[in-house]
């Protein structure tokens, strides 16, 4: 009877160990996106609040005319109200992962330094372009 109890405990220990290893692998292997998108008024090239654009790349309200503007990893992140440059409105031409929204409203030094990696609890909304 003690042999059976040891086998159960050993298999439970192995299951818990494998589960912990898998969870660590899923959270530790994520990398930063290749591109990030900010919501922009194409008439003025000024960044607006990301809530003005939806995740499908279209504007959220009838007649708002705001669209996602895609920035590469080395691009400077403009603050809301700032002018965008060095990116594109054409997200379908990008190869790699894209984070839509989630960049700081006050801007930052580069997309790479301000994007969040994925994984459990990650704040990124990754899309493949």
Protein backbone atom coordinates (compact mmCIF):
# COMPACT_ATOMS: atom_id res chain seq x y z
CA UNK A 1 0.00 0.00 0.00
CA UNK A 2 2.89 2.42 0.64
CA UNK A 3 4.18 1.76 -2.88
CA UNK A 4 0.93 3.00 -4.40
CA UNK A 5 1.00 6.14 -2.27
CA UNK A 6 4.55 6.95 -3.43
CA UNK A 7 3.62 6.57 -7.06
CA UNK A 8 0.73 8.97 -6.69
CA UNK A 9 2.89 11.51 -4.92
CA UNK A 10 5.66 11.18 -7.49
CA UNK A 11 3.29 11.63 -10.43
CA UNK A 12 1.65 14.62 -8.73
CA UNK A 13 5.09 16.14 -8.17
CA UNK A 14 6.04 15.59 -11.81
CA UNK A 15 2.76 17.15 -12.99
CA UNK A 16 3.28 20.21 -10.81
CA UNK A 17 6.88 20.54 -11.99
CA UNK A 18 5.89 20.35 -15.66
CA UNK A 19 3.08 22.88 -15.12
CA UNK A 20 5.45 25.33 -13.43
CA UNK A 21 8.03 24.89 -16.20
CA UNK A 22 5.44 25.55 -18.90
CA UNK A 23 4.15 28.67 -17.15
CA UNK A 24 7.68 30.04 -16.80
CA UNK A 25 8.35 29.35 -20.46
CA UNK A 26 5.23 31.14 -21.61
CA UNK A 27 5.93 34.28 -19.63
CA UNK A 28 9.69 34.43 -20.11
CA UNK A 29 9.98 33.89 -23.86
CA UNK A 30 7.86 36.78 -25.06
CA UNK A 31 9.63 39.60 -26.82
CA UNK A 32 8.76 43.18 -27.64
CA UNK A 33 6.71 43.81 -30.78
CA UNK A 34 8.47 44.77 -34.02
CA UNK A 35 6.09 47.68 -34.57
CA UNK A 36 3.67 49.74 -32.52
CA UNK A 37 0.73 51.81 -33.70
CA UNK A 38 -0.63 55.11 -32.44
CA UNK A 39 -3.90 56.73 -33.45
CA UNK A 40 -3.39 59.70 -35.77
CA UNK A 41 -5.41 62.40 -37.54
CA UNK A 42 -4.12 62.01 -41.13
CA UNK A 43 -5.11 65.61 -41.96
CA UNK A 44 -2.67 67.08 -39.43
CA UNK A 45 -0.34 64.09 -38.75
CA UNK A 46 -0.97 64.65 -35.05
CA UNK A 47 -1.34 61.82 -32.58
CA UNK A 48 -4.74 61.61 -30.88
CA UNK A 49 -5.97 59.40 -28.03
CA UNK A 50 -5.68 55.74 -29.05
CA UNK A 51 -9.34 55.23 -28.08
CA UNK A 52 -10.30 57.10 -31.26
CA UNK A 53 -9.14 54.13 -33.40
CA UNK A 54 -10.42 50.58 -33.25
CA UNK A 55 -8.44 47.34 -33.43
CA UNK A 56 -9.44 46.66 -37.04
CA UNK A 57 -7.60 49.73 -38.27
CA UNK A 58 -10.75 51.78 -38.83
CA UNK A 59 -11.92 54.91 -37.07
CA UNK A 60 -14.40 54.38 -34.22
CA UNK A 61 -17.02 56.99 -35.01
CA UNK A 62 -18.72 58.03 -38.21
CA UNK A 63 -16.68 60.81 -39.76
CA UNK A 64 -13.87 60.88 -37.16
CA UNK A 65 -11.22 60.03 -39.74
CA UNK A 66 -8.54 58.86 -37.27
CA UNK A 67 -6.35 55.93 -38.29
CA UNK A 68 -3.56 53.75 -36.90
CA UNK A 69 -0.05 54.95 -37.74
CA UNK A 70 2.62 52.25 -37.53
CA UNK A 71 6.06 53.01 -36.08
CA UNK A 72 9.15 50.80 -36.25
CA UNK A 73 11.06 49.73 -33.15
CA UNK A 74 13.63 52.52 -33.49
CA UNK A 75 11.05 55.27 -34.14
CA UNK A 76 10.45 58.09 -31.67
CA UNK A 77 7.05 57.88 -29.95
CA UNK A 78 5.24 61.23 -30.16
CA UNK A 79 3.10 62.51 -27.32
CA UNK A 80 -0.65 62.92 -27.85
CA UNK A 81 -0.92 66.18 -29.81
CA UNK A 82 2.57 65.72 -31.26
CA UNK A 83 3.37 65.17 -34.93
CA UNK A 84 4.20 61.67 -36.18
CA UNK A 85 6.98 60.87 -38.64
CA UNK A 86 9.04 57.94 -39.85
CA UNK A 87 6.14 55.46 -40.01
CA UNK A 88 3.27 54.45 -42.26
CA UNK A 89 -0.52 54.24 -42.33
CA UNK A 90 -0.21 51.01 -44.36
CA UNK A 91 -0.04 48.25 -41.75
CA UNK A 92 -0.60 45.47 -44.29
CA UNK A 93 2.94 45.98 -45.64
CA UNK A 94 4.60 45.21 -42.28
CA UNK A 95 6.29 41.91 -41.46
CA UNK A 96 6.36 41.08 -37.77
CA UNK A 97 4.27 41.66 -34.69
CA UNK A 98 2.37 44.89 -34.08
CA UNK A 99 1.12 46.39 -30.84
CA UNK A 100 -1.86 48.68 -31.45
CA UNK A 101 -2.13 51.31 -28.76
CA UNK A 102 -0.74 51.11 -25.28
CA UNK A 103 2.14 53.51 -25.81
CA UNK A 104 2.46 56.29 -23.23
CA UNK A 105 0.39 59.41 -23.98
CA UNK A 106 3.37 61.57 -23.00
CA UNK A 107 5.54 59.90 -25.66
CA UNK A 108 8.86 58.20 -25.18
CA UNK A 109 12.31 57.79 -26.58
CA UNK A 110 11.58 54.86 -28.90
CA UNK A 111 8.93 52.24 -29.61
CA UNK A 112 11.25 49.46 -28.41
CA UNK A 113 11.84 51.12 -25.03
CA UNK A 114 8.14 51.76 -24.37
CA UNK A 115 6.39 48.63 -25.68
CA UNK A 116 5.43 45.86 -23.31
CA UNK A 117 6.14 42.23 -23.97
CA UNK A 118 3.30 39.73 -24.19
CA UNK A 119 2.63 36.79 -21.91
CA UNK A 120 0.27 36.34 -19.00
CA UNK A 121 -0.91 39.72 -17.78
CA UNK A 122 0.96 41.57 -20.52
CA UNK A 123 -0.52 44.86 -21.62
CA UNK A 124 0.18 44.46 -25.31
CA UNK A 125 -2.47 43.79 -27.87
CA UNK A 126 -0.33 42.01 -30.41
CA UNK A 127 -1.35 41.53 -33.99
CA UNK A 128 0.52 40.03 -36.87
CA UNK A 129 0.63 42.20 -39.94
